[in-house]
Amino acid sequence: MQYSREELNNKIAAEFDIDVSLLVPEANILKTLQVDSLGVMELVVLVKKTTGVLVPTLDLPGIVTFGHLYDYIEDKLISENKE
């Protein structure tokens, strides 16, 4: 599946009704999106639909910023392509 940060950011901004300019690598996901655990799960579903990458619940504590999320997705996509 094709992935671009721009496409993902646009979908996140639309889903959570925020300005896409707020979605920068150093921004805290929870604070920027102003979500609770249910909102995080909505983000996980959106990431899966957009990138094909499933973020397991056990990996969520390590994903604090959008930069962490981008790196996680890109690492997963690279490892899938190696297999």
N, C-alpha and C. Protein backbone atom coordinates (compact mmCIF):
# COMPACT_ATOMS: atom_id res chain seq x y z
N MET A 1 0.85 -1.18 0.00
CA MET A 1 0.00 0.00 0.00
C MET A 1 0.90 1.24 0.00
N GLN A 2 0.53 2.22 -0.79
CA GLN A 2 1.28 3.47 -0.87
C GLN A 2 1.03 4.32 0.37
N TYR A 3 2.07 4.96 0.86
CA TYR A 3 1.96 5.77 2.07
C TYR A 3 2.63 7.11 1.86
N SER A 4 1.97 8.17 2.28
CA SER A 4 2.62 9.48 2.33
C SER A 4 2.15 10.18 3.60
N ARG A 5 3.08 10.89 4.23
CA ARG A 5 2.73 11.63 5.44
C ARG A 5 1.65 12.66 5.13
N GLU A 6 1.76 13.28 3.98
CA GLU A 6 0.79 14.32 3.61
C GLU A 6 -0.63 13.75 3.54
N GLU A 7 -0.78 12.61 2.89
CA GLU A 7 -2.10 11.98 2.79
C GLU A 7 -2.62 11.60 4.17
N LEU A 8 -1.76 11.00 4.99
CA LEU A 8 -2.17 10.60 6.33
C LEU A 8 -2.57 11.84 7.15
N ASN A 9 -1.75 12.88 7.09
CA ASN A 9 -2.07 14.11 7.82
C ASN A 9 -3.40 14.71 7.38
N ASN A 10 -3.64 14.72 6.09
CA ASN A 10 -4.91 15.26 5.59
C ASN A 10 -6.10 14.46 6.11
N LYS A 11 -5.96 13.16 6.15
CA LYS A 11 -7.06 12.31 6.66
C LYS A 11 -7.25 12.49 8.16
N ILE A 12 -6.14 12.60 8.90
CA ILE A 12 -6.23 12.83 10.35
C ILE A 12 -6.90 14.17 10.61
N ALA A 13 -6.47 15.20 9.90
CA ALA A 13 -7.04 16.54 10.09
C ALA A 13 -8.53 16.54 9.82
N ALA A 14 -8.95 15.87 8.76
CA ALA A 14 -10.37 15.80 8.42
C ALA A 14 -11.15 15.02 9.47
N GLU A 15 -10.61 13.88 9.88
CA GLU A 15 -11.31 13.01 10.85
C GLU A 15 -11.47 13.68 12.21
N PHE A 16 -10.43 14.40 12.65
CA PHE A 16 -10.45 14.99 13.98
C PHE A 16 -10.75 16.49 13.96
N ASP A 17 -11.09 16.99 12.79
CA ASP A 17 -11.51 18.38 12.62
C ASP A 17 -10.50 19.38 13.20
N ILE A 18 -9.25 19.23 12.75
CA ILE A 18 -8.21 20.16 13.17
C ILE A 18 -7.45 20.65 11.94
N ASP A 19 -6.69 21.70 12.12
CA ASP A 19 -5.90 22.26 11.03
C ASP A 19 -4.69 21.35 10.77
N VAL A 20 -4.47 21.00 9.53
CA VAL A 20 -3.39 20.09 9.17
C VAL A 20 -2.03 20.66 9.56
N SER A 21 -1.91 21.97 9.68
CA SER A 21 -0.62 22.58 10.05
C SER A 21 -0.20 22.22 11.47
N LEU A 22 -1.12 21.72 12.29
CA LEU A 22 -0.80 21.30 13.66
C LEU A 22 -0.12 19.94 13.71
N LEU A 23 -0.20 19.21 12.61
CA LEU A 23 0.32 17.84 12.58
C LEU A 23 1.79 17.83 12.16
N VAL A 24 2.62 18.23 13.10
CA VAL A 24 4.07 18.28 12.87
C VAL A 24 4.73 17.17 13.70
N PRO A 25 5.91 16.71 13.27
CA PRO A 25 6.53 15.57 13.96
C PRO A 25 6.67 15.71 15.47
N GLU A 26 6.95 16.91 15.96
CA GLU A 26 7.18 17.08 17.40
C GLU A 26 5.89 17.25 18.22
N ALA A 27 4.75 17.34 17.56
CA ALA A 27 3.47 17.55 18.27
C ALA A 27 3.02 16.28 18.99
N ASN A 28 2.56 16.44 20.21
CA ASN A 28 2.01 15.35 21.01
C ASN A 28 0.65 14.96 20.42
N ILE A 29 0.47 13.69 20.16
CA ILE A 29 -0.75 13.21 19.51
C ILE A 29 -1.99 13.49 20.36
N LEU A 30 -1.96 13.10 21.63
CA LEU A 30 -3.14 13.25 22.48
C LEU A 30 -3.53 14.71 22.66
N LYS A 31 -2.54 15.57 22.87
CA LYS A 31 -2.83 17.00 23.07
C LYS A 31 -3.31 17.66 21.79
N THR A 32 -2.68 17.31 20.68
CA THR A 32 -3.03 17.93 19.40
C THR A 32 -4.44 17.53 18.96
N LEU A 33 -4.73 16.25 19.08
CA LEU A 33 -6.05 15.76 18.64
C LEU A 33 -7.11 15.93 19.72
N GLN A 34 -6.69 16.18 20.96
CA GLN A 34 -7.59 16.31 22.09
C GLN A 34 -8.53 15.11 22.19
N VAL A 35 -7.90 13.93 22.29
CA VAL A 35 -8.66 12.69 22.31
C VAL A 35 -8.39 11.88 23.58
N ASP A 36 -9.34 10.99 23.85
CA ASP A 36 -9.18 10.01 24.93
C ASP A 36 -8.80 8.68 24.29
N SER A 37 -8.90 7.60 25.04
CA SER A 37 -8.51 6.29 24.52
C SER A 37 -9.36 5.86 23.32
N LEU A 38 -10.63 6.22 23.32
CA LEU A 38 -11.47 5.90 22.17
C LEU A 38 -10.99 6.64 20.93
N GLY A 39 -10.60 7.88 21.09
CA GLY A 39 -10.07 8.65 19.97
C GLY A 39 -8.77 8.06 19.45
N VAL A 40 -7.96 7.54 20.35
CA VAL A 40 -6.72 6.89 19.93
C VAL A 40 -7.05 5.67 19.07
N MET A 41 -8.07 4.93 19.46
CA MET A 41 -8.45 3.76 18.67
C MET A 41 -8.98 4.19 17.29
N GLU A 42 -9.67 5.31 17.23
CA GLU A 42 -10.10 5.84 15.93
C GLU A 42 -8.89 6.17 15.07
N LEU A 43 -7.85 6.71 15.69
CA LEU A 43 -6.62 7.01 14.96
C LEU A 43 -5.97 5.72 14.46
N VAL A 44 -5.94 4.69 15.29
CA VAL A 44 -5.37 3.41 14.90
C VAL A 44 -6.10 2.84 13.67
N VAL A 45 -7.42 2.93 13.67
CA VAL A 45 -8.21 2.45 12.54
C VAL A 45 -7.90 3.28 11.29
N LEU A 46 -7.81 4.58 11.45
CA LEU A 46 -7.50 5.46 10.33
C LEU A 46 -6.11 5.15 9.75
N VAL A 47 -5.14 4.92 10.62
CA VAL A 47 -3.80 4.57 10.17
C VAL A 47 -3.82 3.27 9.39
N LYS A 48 -4.55 2.28 9.89
CA LYS A 48 -4.65 0.98 9.21
C LYS A 48 -5.29 1.15 7.83
N LYS A 49 -6.38 1.90 7.75
CA LYS A 49 -7.06 2.10 6.46
C LYS A 49 -6.20 2.87 5.47
N THR A 50 -5.43 3.82 5.97
CA THR A 50 -4.64 4.69 5.11
C THR A 50 -3.31 4.09 4.69
N THR A 51 -2.67 3.37 5.61
CA THR A 51 -1.31 2.88 5.35
C THR A 51 -1.21 1.37 5.26
N GLY A 52 -2.22 0.66 5.79
CA GLY A 52 -2.14 -0.79 5.85
C GLY A 52 -1.39 -1.30 7.07
N VAL A 53 -0.93 -0.37 7.93
CA VAL A 53 -0.15 -0.74 9.11
C VAL A 53 -1.07 -0.77 10.33
N LEU A 54 -1.09 -1.92 11.00
CA LEU A 54 -1.83 -2.05 12.25
C LEU A 54 -0.91 -1.72 13.41
N VAL A 55 -1.35 -0.83 14.26
CA VAL A 55 -0.58 -0.47 15.46
C VAL A 55 -1.20 -1.22 16.63
N PRO A 56 -0.53 -2.28 17.11
CA PRO A 56 -1.07 -3.04 18.24
C PRO A 56 -1.13 -2.19 19.51
N THR A 57 -2.07 -2.49 20.36
CA THR A 57 -2.26 -1.76 21.61
C THR A 57 -0.98 -1.72 22.44
N LEU A 58 -0.22 -2.80 22.43
CA LEU A 58 1.02 -2.85 23.22
C LEU A 58 2.07 -1.86 22.73
N ASP A 59 1.99 -1.45 21.48
CA ASP A 59 2.97 -0.50 20.93
C ASP A 59 2.57 0.95 21.14
N LEU A 60 1.33 1.21 21.51
CA LEU A 60 0.83 2.58 21.64
C LEU A 60 1.58 3.44 22.66
N PRO A 61 2.00 2.91 23.82
CA PRO A 61 2.70 3.77 24.78
C PRO A 61 3.99 4.38 24.23
N GLY A 62 4.60 3.76 23.23
CA GLY A 62 5.82 4.28 22.64
C GLY A 62 5.60 5.30 21.54
N ILE A 63 4.34 5.53 21.22
CA ILE A 63 4.01 6.46 20.14
C ILE A 63 3.35 7.69 20.76
N VAL A 64 4.15 8.67 21.07
CA VAL A 64 3.68 9.86 21.79
C VAL A 64 3.47 11.03 20.84
N THR A 65 4.39 11.20 19.89
CA THR A 65 4.32 12.32 18.96
C THR A 65 3.98 11.82 17.56
N PHE A 66 3.66 12.76 16.68
CA PHE A 66 3.41 12.37 15.29
C PHE A 66 4.68 11.84 14.65
N GLY A 67 5.83 12.37 15.06
CA GLY A 67 7.11 11.84 14.57
C GLY A 67 7.28 10.38 14.92
N HIS A 68 6.91 10.01 16.16
CA HIS A 68 6.95 8.60 16.56
C HIS A 68 6.02 7.77 15.67
N LEU A 69 4.85 8.30 15.40
CA LEU A 69 3.87 7.59 14.56
C LEU A 69 4.41 7.41 13.16
N TYR A 70 4.94 8.47 12.56
CA TYR A 70 5.50 8.37 11.20
C TYR A 70 6.63 7.34 11.16
N ASP A 71 7.54 7.41 12.14
CA ASP A 71 8.66 6.46 12.18
C ASP A 71 8.16 5.03 12.33
N TYR A 72 7.15 4.83 13.18
CA TYR A 72 6.59 3.49 13.39
C TYR A 72 6.04 2.94 12.08
N ILE A 73 5.23 3.75 11.40
CA ILE A 73 4.63 3.32 10.14
C ILE A 73 5.70 3.00 9.12
N GLU A 74 6.67 3.90 8.97
CA GLU A 74 7.72 3.70 7.98
C GLU A 74 8.56 2.48 8.29
N ASP A 75 8.88 2.24 9.56
CA ASP A 75 9.64 1.04 9.95
C ASP A 75 8.86 -0.22 9.63
N LYS A 76 7.57 -0.22 9.91
CA LYS A 76 6.74 -1.40 9.62
C LYS A 76 6.66 -1.67 8.11
N LEU A 77 6.50 -0.60 7.33
CA LEU A 77 6.42 -0.76 5.88
C LEU A 77 7.74 -1.27 5.31
N ILE A 78 8.85 -0.78 5.84
CA ILE A 78 10.17 -1.26 5.38
C ILE A 78 10.35 -2.72 5.72
N SER A 79 9.99 -3.12 6.95
CA SER A 79 10.17 -4.52 7.36
C SER A 79 9.24 -5.44 6.56
N GLU A 80 8.05 -4.97 6.21
CA GLU A 80 7.14 -5.78 5.39
C GLU A 80 7.70 -5.98 3.99
N ASN A 81 8.35 -4.96 3.46
CA ASN A 81 8.91 -5.06 2.12
C ASN A 81 10.13 -5.97 2.06
N LYS A 82 10.81 -6.16 3.19
CA LYS A 82 11.96 -7.04 3.25
C LYS A 82 11.55 -8.50 3.27
N GLU A 83 10.35 -8.76 3.76
CA GLU A 83 9.90 -10.16 3.90
C GLU A 83 9.47 -10.74 2.58
